[in-house]
Amino acid sequence: MYAIIRESGKQFKVTSGDRILVDRAETEEKTITFGEVLLVGGEGSPKIGAPLVAGATVVADVVGVKRGPKIDIQKYKRRKGYTRRSATASPISK
């Protein structure tokens, strides 16, 4: 059985046991429920939502948090002699 879900403006095809990387704010929850299910298929004919499948949800376990790459920030004010360059961590923390 598989489902197509919509999360953060992207669509993912998921089956049981899949691991996907989803943009999320840091959360303490161990499970996430995705309510925007667009299609459910696998057993017989697929159920296609218009736009969502009624009553369908996908429950996922949080495996871990992945940090993004470091980003460089450069500040500059013209004609003032002010420049500053710093490297900061990604907005995704932990």
PDB file of N, CA and C in Angstrom:
ATOM      1  N   MET A   1       0.851  -1.167   0.000  1.00  0.00           N
ATOM      2  CA  MET A   1       0.000   0.000   0.000  1.00  0.00           C
ATOM      3  C   MET A   1       0.902   1.237   0.000  1.00  0.00           C
ATOM      4  N   TYR A   2       0.519   2.233  -0.771  1.00  0.00           N
ATOM      5  CA  TYR A   2       1.286   3.470  -0.828  1.00  0.00           C
ATOM      6  C   TYR A   2       0.326   4.654  -0.787  1.00  0.00           C
ATOM      7  N   ALA A   3       0.903   5.826  -0.504  1.00  0.00           N
ATOM      8  CA  ALA A   3       0.106   7.046  -0.474  1.00  0.00           C
ATOM      9  C   ALA A   3       0.948   8.195  -1.006  1.00  0.00           C
ATOM     10  N   ILE A   4       0.285   9.181  -1.550  1.00  0.00           N
ATOM     11  CA  ILE A   4       0.947  10.414  -1.954  1.00  0.00           C
ATOM     12  C   ILE A   4       0.442  11.501  -1.029  1.00  0.00           C
ATOM     13  N   ILE A   5       1.386  12.115  -0.298  1.00  0.00           N
ATOM     14  CA  ILE A   5       1.037  13.138   0.677  1.00  0.00           C
ATOM     15  C   ILE A   5       1.613  14.478   0.231  1.00  0.00           C
ATOM     16  N   ARG A   6       1.028  15.553   0.746  1.00  0.00           N
ATOM     17  CA  ARG A   6       1.520  16.899   0.465  1.00  0.00           C
ATOM     18  C   ARG A   6       1.990  17.511   1.786  1.00  0.00           C
ATOM     19  N   GLU A   7       3.236  17.986   1.800  1.00  0.00           N
ATOM     20  CA  GLU A   7       3.809  18.596   3.002  1.00  0.00           C
ATOM     21  C   GLU A   7       4.785  19.681   2.576  1.00  0.00           C
ATOM     22  N   SER A   8       4.628  20.869   3.112  1.00  0.00           N
ATOM     23  CA  SER A   8       5.513  22.013   2.855  1.00  0.00           C
ATOM     24  C   SER A   8       5.592  22.361   1.377  1.00  0.00           C
ATOM     25  N   GLY A   9       4.496  22.240   0.660  1.00  0.00           N
ATOM     26  CA  GLY A   9       4.475  22.592  -0.747  1.00  0.00           C
ATOM     27  C   GLY A   9       5.081  21.545  -1.658  1.00  0.00           C
ATOM     28  N   LYS A  10       5.412  20.373  -1.139  1.00  0.00           N
ATOM     29  CA  LYS A  10       5.990  19.295  -1.934  1.00  0.00           C
ATOM     30  C   LYS A  10       5.112  18.059  -1.795  1.00  0.00           C
ATOM     31  N   GLN A  11       5.214  17.166  -2.781  1.00  0.00           N
ATOM     32  CA  GLN A  11       4.482  15.912  -2.725  1.00  0.00           C
ATOM     33  C   GLN A  11       5.465  14.761  -2.575  1.00  0.00           C
ATOM     34  N   PHE A  12       5.120  13.793  -1.728  1.00  0.00           N
ATOM     35  CA  PHE A  12       5.960  12.633  -1.471  1.00  0.00           C
ATOM     36  C   PHE A  12       5.143  11.367  -1.667  1.00  0.00           C
ATOM     37  N   LYS A  13       5.746  10.376  -2.337  1.00  0.00           N
ATOM     38  CA  LYS A  13       5.132   9.053  -2.434  1.00  0.00           C
ATOM     39  C   LYS A  13       5.745   8.222  -1.320  1.00  0.00           C
ATOM     40  N   VAL A  14       4.927   7.723  -0.396  1.00  0.00           N
ATOM     41  CA  VAL A  14       5.422   7.001   0.762  1.00  0.00           C
ATOM     42  C   VAL A  14       4.766   5.626   0.840  1.00  0.00           C
ATOM     43  N   THR A  15       5.547   4.682   1.307  1.00  0.00           N
ATOM     44  CA  THR A  15       5.055   3.353   1.633  1.00  0.00           C
ATOM     45  C   THR A  15       5.511   3.016   3.040  1.00  0.00           C
ATOM     46  N   SER A  16       5.120   1.905   3.538  1.00  0.00           N
ATOM     47  CA  SER A  16       5.511   1.496   4.878  1.00  0.00           C
ATOM     48  C   SER A  16       7.019   1.250   4.923  1.00  0.00           C
ATOM     49  N   GLY A  17       7.705   1.867   5.871  1.00  0.00           N
ATOM     50  CA  GLY A  17       9.138   1.677   6.038  1.00  0.00           C
ATOM     51  C   GLY A  17      10.001   2.694   5.303  1.00  0.00           C
ATOM     52  N   ASP A  18       9.403   3.605   4.551  1.00  0.00           N
ATOM     53  CA  ASP A  18      10.185   4.619   3.839  1.00  0.00           C
ATOM     54  C   ASP A  18      10.715   5.673   4.802  1.00  0.00           C
ATOM     55  N   ARG A  19      11.854   6.291   4.415  1.00  0.00           N
ATOM     56  CA  ARG A  19      12.414   7.409   5.162  1.00  0.00           C
ATOM     57  C   ARG A  19      12.460   8.606   4.222  1.00  0.00           C
ATOM     58  N   ILE A  20      11.857   9.715   4.625  1.00  0.00           N
ATOM     59  CA  ILE A  20      11.860  10.925   3.810  1.00  0.00           C
ATOM     60  C   ILE A  20      12.370  12.086   4.655  1.00  0.00           C
ATOM     61  N   LEU A  21      12.897  13.100   3.990  1.00  0.00           N
ATOM     62  CA  LEU A  21      13.389  14.304   4.646  1.00  0.00           C
ATOM     63  C   LEU A  21      12.359  15.402   4.425  1.00  0.00           C
ATOM     64  N   VAL A  22      11.782  15.901   5.518  1.00  0.00           N
ATOM     65  CA  VAL A  22      10.707  16.873   5.453  1.00  0.00           C
ATOM     66  C   VAL A  22      11.157  18.141   6.172  1.00  0.00           C
ATOM     67  N   ASP A  23      10.857  19.299   5.577  1.00  0.00           N
ATOM     68  CA  ASP A  23      11.147  20.573   6.239  1.00  0.00           C
ATOM     69  C   ASP A  23      10.161  20.759   7.376  1.00  0.00           C
ATOM     70  N   ARG A  24      10.680  20.833   8.570  1.00  0.00           N
ATOM     71  CA  ARG A  24       9.832  21.000   9.743  1.00  0.00           C
ATOM     72  C   ARG A  24      10.541  21.861  10.756  1.00  0.00           C
ATOM     73  N   ALA A  25       9.776  22.571  11.576  1.00  0.00           N
ATOM     74  CA  ALA A  25      10.358  23.261  12.720  1.00  0.00           C
ATOM     75  C   ALA A  25      10.736  22.194  13.742  1.00  0.00           C
ATOM     76  N   GLU A  26      11.693  22.513  14.572  1.00  0.00           N
ATOM     77  CA  GLU A  26      12.139  21.541  15.571  1.00  0.00           C
ATOM     78  C   GLU A  26      10.979  21.226  16.508  1.00  0.00           C
ATOM     79  N   THR A  27      10.750  19.970  16.723  1.00  0.00           N
ATOM     80  CA  THR A  27       9.626  19.537  17.540  1.00  0.00           C
ATOM     81  C   THR A  27      10.075  18.434  18.491  1.00  0.00           C
ATOM     82  N   GLU A  28       9.399  18.320  19.589  1.00  0.00           N
ATOM     83  CA  GLU A  28       9.708  17.299  20.581  1.00  0.00           C
ATOM     84  C   GLU A  28       8.876  16.029  20.375  1.00  0.00           C
ATOM     85  N   GLU A  29       7.937  16.086  19.441  1.00  0.00           N
ATOM     86  CA  GLU A  29       7.062  14.941  19.214  1.00  0.00           C
ATOM     87  C   GLU A  29       7.834  13.790  18.575  1.00  0.00           C
ATOM     88  N   LYS A  30       7.440  12.582  18.887  1.00  0.00           N
ATOM     89  CA  LYS A  30       8.073  11.390  18.312  1.00  0.00           C
ATOM     90  C   LYS A  30       7.326  10.873  17.094  1.00  0.00           C
ATOM     91  N   THR A  31       6.078  11.314  16.910  1.00  0.00           N
ATOM     92  CA  THR A  31       5.311  10.922  15.736  1.00  0.00           C
ATOM     93  C   THR A  31       4.688  12.158  15.098  1.00  0.00           C
ATOM     94  N   ILE A  32       4.524  12.112  13.789  1.00  0.00           N
ATOM     95  CA  ILE A  32       3.904  13.198  13.036  1.00  0.00           C
ATOM     96  C   ILE A  32       2.757  12.601  12.231  1.00  0.00           C
ATOM     97  N   THR A  33       1.627  13.291  12.192  1.00  0.00           N
ATOM     98  CA  THR A  33       0.480  12.861  11.415  1.00  0.00           C
ATOM     99  C   THR A  33       0.310  13.801  10.233  1.00  0.00           C
ATOM    100  N   PHE A  34       0.332  13.247   9.032  1.00  0.00           N
ATOM    101  CA  PHE A  34       0.118  14.020   7.813  1.00  0.00           C
ATOM    102  C   PHE A  34      -1.335  13.851   7.404  1.00  0.00           C
ATOM    103  N   GLY A  35      -2.073  14.938   7.358  1.00  0.00           N
ATOM    104  CA  GLY A  35      -3.493  14.876   7.040  1.00  0.00           C
ATOM    105  C   GLY A  35      -3.812  15.134   5.583  1.00  0.00           C
ATOM    106  N   GLU A  36      -2.869  15.708   4.833  1.00  0.00           N
ATOM    107  CA  GLU A  36      -3.118  16.028   3.433  1.00  0.00           C
ATOM    108  C   GLU A  36      -2.708  14.854   2.548  1.00  0.00           C
ATOM    109  N   VAL A  37      -3.582  13.880   2.417  1.00  0.00           N
ATOM    110  CA  VAL A  37      -3.334  12.691   1.604  1.00  0.00           C
ATOM    111  C   VAL A  37      -4.057  12.881   0.273  1.00  0.00           C
ATOM    112  N   LEU A  38      -3.290  12.873  -0.819  1.00  0.00           N
ATOM    113  CA  LEU A  38      -3.858  13.123  -2.141  1.00  0.00           C
ATOM    114  C   LEU A  38      -4.319  11.849  -2.834  1.00  0.00           C
ATOM    115  N   LEU A  39      -3.640  10.720  -2.560  1.00  0.00           N
ATOM    116  CA  LEU A  39      -3.965   9.469  -3.234  1.00  0.00           C
ATOM    117  C   LEU A  39      -3.584   8.307  -2.324  1.00  0.00           C
ATOM    118  N   VAL A  40      -4.402   7.276  -2.311  1.00  0.00           N
ATOM    119  CA  VAL A  40      -4.097   6.036  -1.602  1.00  0.00           C
ATOM    120  C   VAL A  40      -4.268   4.908  -2.596  1.00  0.00           C
ATOM    121  N   GLY A  41      -3.230   4.088  -2.750  1.00  0.00           N
ATOM    122  CA  GLY A  41      -3.305   3.010  -3.730  1.00  0.00           C
ATOM    123  C   GLY A  41      -2.605   1.765  -3.235  1.00  0.00           C
ATOM    124  N   GLY A  42      -2.691   0.721  -4.037  1.00  0.00           N
ATOM    125  CA  GLY A  42      -2.009  -0.520  -3.706  1.00  0.00           C
ATOM    126  C   GLY A  42      -2.930  -1.713  -3.630  1.00  0.00           C
ATOM    127  N   GLU A  43      -4.092  -1.554  -3.071  1.00  0.00           N
ATOM    128  CA  GLU A  43      -5.047  -2.651  -2.949  1.00  0.00           C
ATOM    129  C   GLU A  43      -6.244  -2.341  -3.846  1.00  0.00           C
ATOM    130  N   GLY A  44      -6.335  -3.018  -4.966  1.00  0.00           N
ATOM    131  CA  GLY A  44      -7.436  -2.745  -5.888  1.00  0.00           C
ATOM    132  C   GLY A  44      -7.229  -1.430  -6.613  1.00  0.00           C
ATOM    133  N   SER A  45      -8.314  -0.706  -6.826  1.00  0.00           N
ATOM    134  CA  SER A  45      -8.209   0.575  -7.537  1.00  0.00           C
ATOM    135  C   SER A  45      -7.789   1.673  -6.551  1.00  0.00           C
ATOM    136  N   PRO A  46      -6.987   2.625  -7.015  1.00  0.00           N
ATOM    137  CA  PRO A  46      -6.545   3.693  -6.117  1.00  0.00           C
ATOM    138  C   PRO A  46      -7.680   4.658  -5.785  1.00  0.00           C
ATOM    139  N   LYS A  47      -7.616   5.234  -4.574  1.00  0.00           N
ATOM    140  CA  LYS A  47      -8.581   6.243  -4.157  1.00  0.00           C
ATOM    141  C   LYS A  47      -7.934   7.599  -4.388  1.00  0.00           C
ATOM    142  N   ILE A  48      -8.531   8.364  -5.278  1.00  0.00           N
ATOM    143  CA  ILE A  48      -8.001   9.673  -5.627  1.00  0.00           C
ATOM    144  C   ILE A  48      -8.874  10.729  -4.970  1.00  0.00           C
ATOM    145  N   GLY A  49      -8.242  11.657  -4.277  1.00  0.00           N
ATOM    146  CA  GLY A  49      -8.980  12.711  -3.598  1.00  0.00           C
ATOM    147  C   GLY A  49      -9.314  13.861  -4.518  1.00  0.00           C
ATOM    148  N   ALA A  50     -10.292  14.658  -4.103  1.00  0.00           N
ATOM    149  CA  ALA A  50     -10.661  15.834  -4.881  1.00  0.00           C
ATOM    150  C   ALA A  50     -10.830  17.010  -3.931  1.00  0.00           C
ATOM    151  N   PRO A  51      -9.821  17.666  -3.428  1.00  0.00           N
ATOM    152  CA  PRO A  51      -8.396  17.448  -3.635  1.00  0.00           C
ATOM    153  C   PRO A  51      -7.778  16.454  -2.649  1.00  0.00           C
ATOM    154  N   LEU A  52      -8.450  16.153  -1.527  1.00  0.00           N
ATOM    155  CA  LEU A  52      -7.890  15.237  -0.532  1.00  0.00           C
ATOM    156  C   LEU A  52      -8.781  14.014  -0.369  1.00  0.00           C
ATOM    157  N   VAL A  53      -8.159  12.896   0.048  1.00  0.00           N
ATOM    158  CA  VAL A  53      -8.914  11.675   0.331  1.00  0.00           C
ATOM    159  C   VAL A  53      -9.546  11.845   1.706  1.00  0.00           C
ATOM    160  N   ALA A  54     -10.845  11.696   1.779  1.00  0.00           N
ATOM    161  CA  ALA A  54     -11.569  11.908   3.031  1.00  0.00           C
ATOM    162  C   ALA A  54     -11.219  10.828   4.049  1.00  0.00           C
ATOM    163  N   GLY A  55     -10.844  11.242   5.246  1.00  0.00           N
ATOM    164  CA  GLY A  55     -10.585  10.324   6.346  1.00  0.00           C
ATOM    165  C   GLY A  55      -9.245   9.626   6.306  1.00  0.00           C
ATOM    166  N   ALA A  56      -8.391   9.936   5.360  1.00  0.00           N
ATOM    167  CA  ALA A  56      -7.094   9.269   5.252  1.00  0.00           C
ATOM    168  C   ALA A  56      -6.007  10.107   5.931  1.00  0.00           C
ATOM    169  N   THR A  57      -5.174   9.446   6.721  1.00  0.00           N
ATOM    170  CA  THR A  57      -4.032  10.092   7.353  1.00  0.00           C
ATOM    171  C   THR A  57      -2.823   9.169   7.247  1.00  0.00           C
ATOM    172  N   VAL A  58      -1.645   9.765   7.313  1.00  0.00           N
ATOM    173  CA  VAL A  58      -0.394   9.008   7.319  1.00  0.00           C
ATOM    174  C   VAL A  58       0.335   9.364   8.605  1.00  0.00           C
ATOM    175  N   VAL A  59       0.729   8.356   9.375  1.00  0.00           N
ATOM    176  CA  VAL A  59       1.440   8.562  10.632  1.00  0.00           C
ATOM    177  C   VAL A  59       2.891   8.155  10.434  1.00  0.00           C
ATOM    178  N   ALA A  60       3.816   9.027  10.863  1.00  0.00           N
ATOM    179  CA  ALA A  60       5.241   8.763  10.684  1.00  0.00           C
ATOM    180  C   ALA A  60       5.977   8.944  11.999  1.00  0.00           C
ATOM    181  N   ASP A  61       7.032   8.166  12.188  1.00  0.00           N
ATOM    182  CA  ASP A  61       7.900   8.297  13.355  1.00  0.00           C
ATOM    183  C   ASP A  61       9.069   9.205  13.014  1.00  0.00           C
ATOM    184  N   VAL A  62       9.452  10.083  13.953  1.00  0.00           N
ATOM    185  CA  VAL A  62      10.586  10.973  13.756  1.00  0.00           C
ATOM    186  C   VAL A  62      11.858  10.194  14.099  1.00  0.00           C
ATOM    187  N   VAL A  63      12.751  10.071  13.112  1.00  0.00           N
ATOM    188  CA  VAL A  63      13.994   9.337  13.317  1.00  0.00           C
ATOM    189  C   VAL A  63      15.057  10.251  13.895  1.00  0.00           C
ATOM    190  N   GLY A  64      15.152  11.465  13.382  1.00  0.00           N
ATOM    191  CA  GLY A  64      16.150  12.406  13.865  1.00  0.00           C
ATOM    192  C   GLY A  64      16.003  13.750  13.163  1.00  0.00           C
ATOM    193  N   VAL A  65      16.837  14.686  13.593  1.00  0.00           N
ATOM    194  CA  VAL A  65      16.848  16.025  13.027  1.00  0.00           C
ATOM    195  C   VAL A  65      18.139  16.190  12.253  1.00  0.00           C
ATOM    196  N   LYS A  66      18.040  16.704  11.035  1.00  0.00           N
ATOM    197  CA  LYS A  66      19.222  16.904  10.206  1.00  0.00           C
ATOM    198  C   LYS A  66      19.484  18.388  10.063  1.00  0.00           C
ATOM    199  N   ARG A  67      20.728  18.785  10.293  1.00  0.00           N
ATOM    200  CA  ARG A  67      21.092  20.189  10.164  1.00  0.00           C
ATOM    201  C   ARG A  67      21.472  20.498   8.733  1.00  0.00           C
ATOM    202  N   GLY A  68      21.169  21.698   8.327  1.00  0.00           N
ATOM    203  CA  GLY A  68      21.536  22.151   7.001  1.00  0.00           C
ATOM    204  C   GLY A  68      22.971  22.657   6.984  1.00  0.00           C
ATOM    205  N   PRO A  69      23.459  23.065   5.828  1.00  0.00           N
ATOM    206  CA  PRO A  69      24.830  23.564   5.733  1.00  0.00           C
ATOM    207  C   PRO A  69      24.963  24.948   6.368  1.00  0.00           C
ATOM    208  N   LYS A  70      26.178  25.291   6.775  1.00  0.00           N
ATOM    209  CA  LYS A  70      26.423  26.627   7.308  1.00  0.00           C
ATOM    210  C   LYS A  70      26.295  27.643   6.183  1.00  0.00           C
ATOM    211  N   ILE A  71      25.845  28.823   6.537  1.00  0.00           N
ATOM    212  CA  ILE A  71      25.698  29.872   5.541  1.00  0.00           C
ATOM    213  C   ILE A  71      26.561  31.061   5.942  1.00  0.00           C
ATOM    214  N   ASP A  72      27.099  31.766   4.952  1.00  0.00           N
ATOM    215  CA  ASP A  72      27.911  32.943   5.185  1.00  0.00           C
ATOM    216  C   ASP A  72      27.042  34.172   5.032  1.00  0.00           C
ATOM    217  N   ILE A  73      27.202  35.120   5.965  1.00  0.00           N
ATOM    218  CA  ILE A  73      26.465  36.364   5.921  1.00  0.00           C
ATOM    219  C   ILE A  73      27.470  37.494   5.812  1.00  0.00           C
ATOM    220  N   GLN A  74      27.231  38.392   4.874  1.00  0.00           N
ATOM    221  CA  GLN A  74      28.101  39.543   4.715  1.00  0.00           C
ATOM    222  C   GLN A  74      27.248  40.792   4.748  1.00  0.00           C
ATOM    223  N   LYS A  75      27.621  41.721   5.643  1.00  0.00           N
ATOM    224  CA  LYS A  75      26.906  42.988   5.763  1.00  0.00           C
ATOM    225  C   LYS A  75      27.794  44.096   5.222  1.00  0.00           C
ATOM    226  N   TYR A  76      27.183  45.063   4.576  1.00  0.00           N
ATOM    227  CA  TYR A  76      27.940  46.144   3.969  1.00  0.00           C
ATOM    228  C   TYR A  76      27.073  47.387   3.926  1.00  0.00           C
ATOM    229  N   LYS A  77      27.638  48.517   4.338  1.00  0.00           N
ATOM    230  CA  LYS A  77      26.952  49.796   4.199  1.00  0.00           C
ATOM    231  C   LYS A  77      27.814  50.678   3.311  1.00  0.00           C
ATOM    232  N   ARG A  78      27.290  51.092   2.220  1.00  0.00           N
ATOM    233  CA  ARG A  78      28.085  51.845   1.263  1.00  0.00           C
ATOM    234  C   ARG A  78      28.452  53.221   1.800  1.00  0.00           C
ATOM    235  N   ARG A  79      29.620  53.655   1.434  1.00  0.00           N
ATOM    236  CA  ARG A  79      30.190  54.956   1.785  1.00  0.00           C
ATOM    237  C   ARG A  79      30.337  55.172   3.277  1.00  0.00           C
ATOM    238  N   LYS A  80      30.287  54.150   4.089  1.00  0.00           N
ATOM    239  CA  LYS A  80      30.425  54.299   5.533  1.00  0.00           C
ATOM    240  C   LYS A  80      31.671  53.592   6.071  1.00  0.00           C
ATOM    241  N   GLY A  81      32.328  52.794   5.230  1.00  0.00           N
ATOM    242  CA  GLY A  81      33.500  52.059   5.698  1.00  0.00           C
ATOM    243  C   GLY A  81      33.141  50.895   6.608  1.00  0.00           C
ATOM    244  N   TYR A  82      31.910  50.409   6.505  1.00  0.00           N
ATOM    245  CA  TYR A  82      31.446  49.328   7.379  1.00  0.00           C
ATOM    246  C   TYR A  82      31.281  48.050   6.573  1.00  0.00           C
ATOM    247  N   THR A  83      32.028  47.039   6.924  1.00  0.00           N
ATOM    248  CA  THR A  83      31.835  45.700   6.368  1.00  0.00           C
ATOM    249  C   THR A  83      31.917  44.702   7.505  1.00  0.00           C
ATOM    250  N   ARG A  84      31.171  43.668   7.390  1.00  0.00           N
ATOM    251  CA  ARG A  84      31.186  42.631   8.412  1.00  0.00           C
ATOM    252  C   ARG A  84      30.875  41.307   7.748  1.00  0.00           C
ATOM    253  N   ARG A  85      31.646  40.310   8.080  1.00  0.00           N
ATOM    254  CA  ARG A  85      31.426  38.984   7.522  1.00  0.00           C
ATOM    255  C   ARG A  85      31.399  37.980   8.659  1.00  0.00           C
ATOM    256  N   SER A  86      30.389  37.149   8.673  1.00  0.00           N
ATOM    257  CA  SER A  86      30.290  36.134   9.715  1.00  0.00           C
ATOM    258  C   SER A  86      29.670  34.865   9.150  1.00  0.00           C
ATOM    259  N   ALA A  87      30.018  33.762   9.746  1.00  0.00           N
ATOM    260  CA  ALA A  87      29.415  32.480   9.386  1.00  0.00           C
ATOM    261  C   ALA A  87      28.496  32.086  10.524  1.00  0.00           C
ATOM    262  N   THR A  88      27.271  31.775  10.181  1.00  0.00           N
ATOM    263  CA  THR A  88      26.308  31.373  11.192  1.00  0.00           C
ATOM    264  C   THR A  88      25.791  29.995  10.883  1.00  0.00           C
ATOM    265  N   ALA A  89      25.151  29.406  11.863  1.00  0.00           N
ATOM    266  CA  ALA A  89      24.570  28.082  11.669  1.00  0.00           C
ATOM    267  C   ALA A  89      23.286  28.212  10.870  1.00  0.00           C
ATOM    268  N   SER A  90      22.864  27.117  10.319  1.00  0.00           N
ATOM    269  CA  SER A  90      21.625  27.066   9.577  1.00  0.00           C
ATOM    270  C   SER A  90      20.447  27.346  10.503  1.00  0.00           C
ATOM    271  N   PRO A  91      19.327  27.849   9.977  1.00  0.00           N
ATOM    272  CA  PRO A  91      18.173  28.078  10.830  1.00  0.00           C
ATOM    273  C   PRO A  91      17.605  26.800  11.441  1.00  0.00           C
ATOM    274  N   ILE A  92      17.973  25.645  10.885  1.00  0.00           N
ATOM    275  CA  ILE A  92      17.555  24.373  11.471  1.00  0.00           C
ATOM    276  C   ILE A  92      18.565  24.047  12.556  1.00  0.00           C
ATOM    277  N   SER A  93      18.140  23.996  13.789  1.00  0.00           N
ATOM    278  CA  SER A  93      19.099  23.815  14.880  1.00  0.00           C
ATOM    279  C   SER A  93      18.965  22.436  15.499  1.00  0.00           C
ATOM    280  N   LYS A  94      19.953  22.086  16.254  1.00  0.00           N
ATOM    281  CA  LYS A  94      20.106  20.866  17.052  1.00  0.00           C
ATOM    282  C   LYS A  94      20.903  19.834  16.375  1.00  0.00           C
TER     283      LYS A  94
END
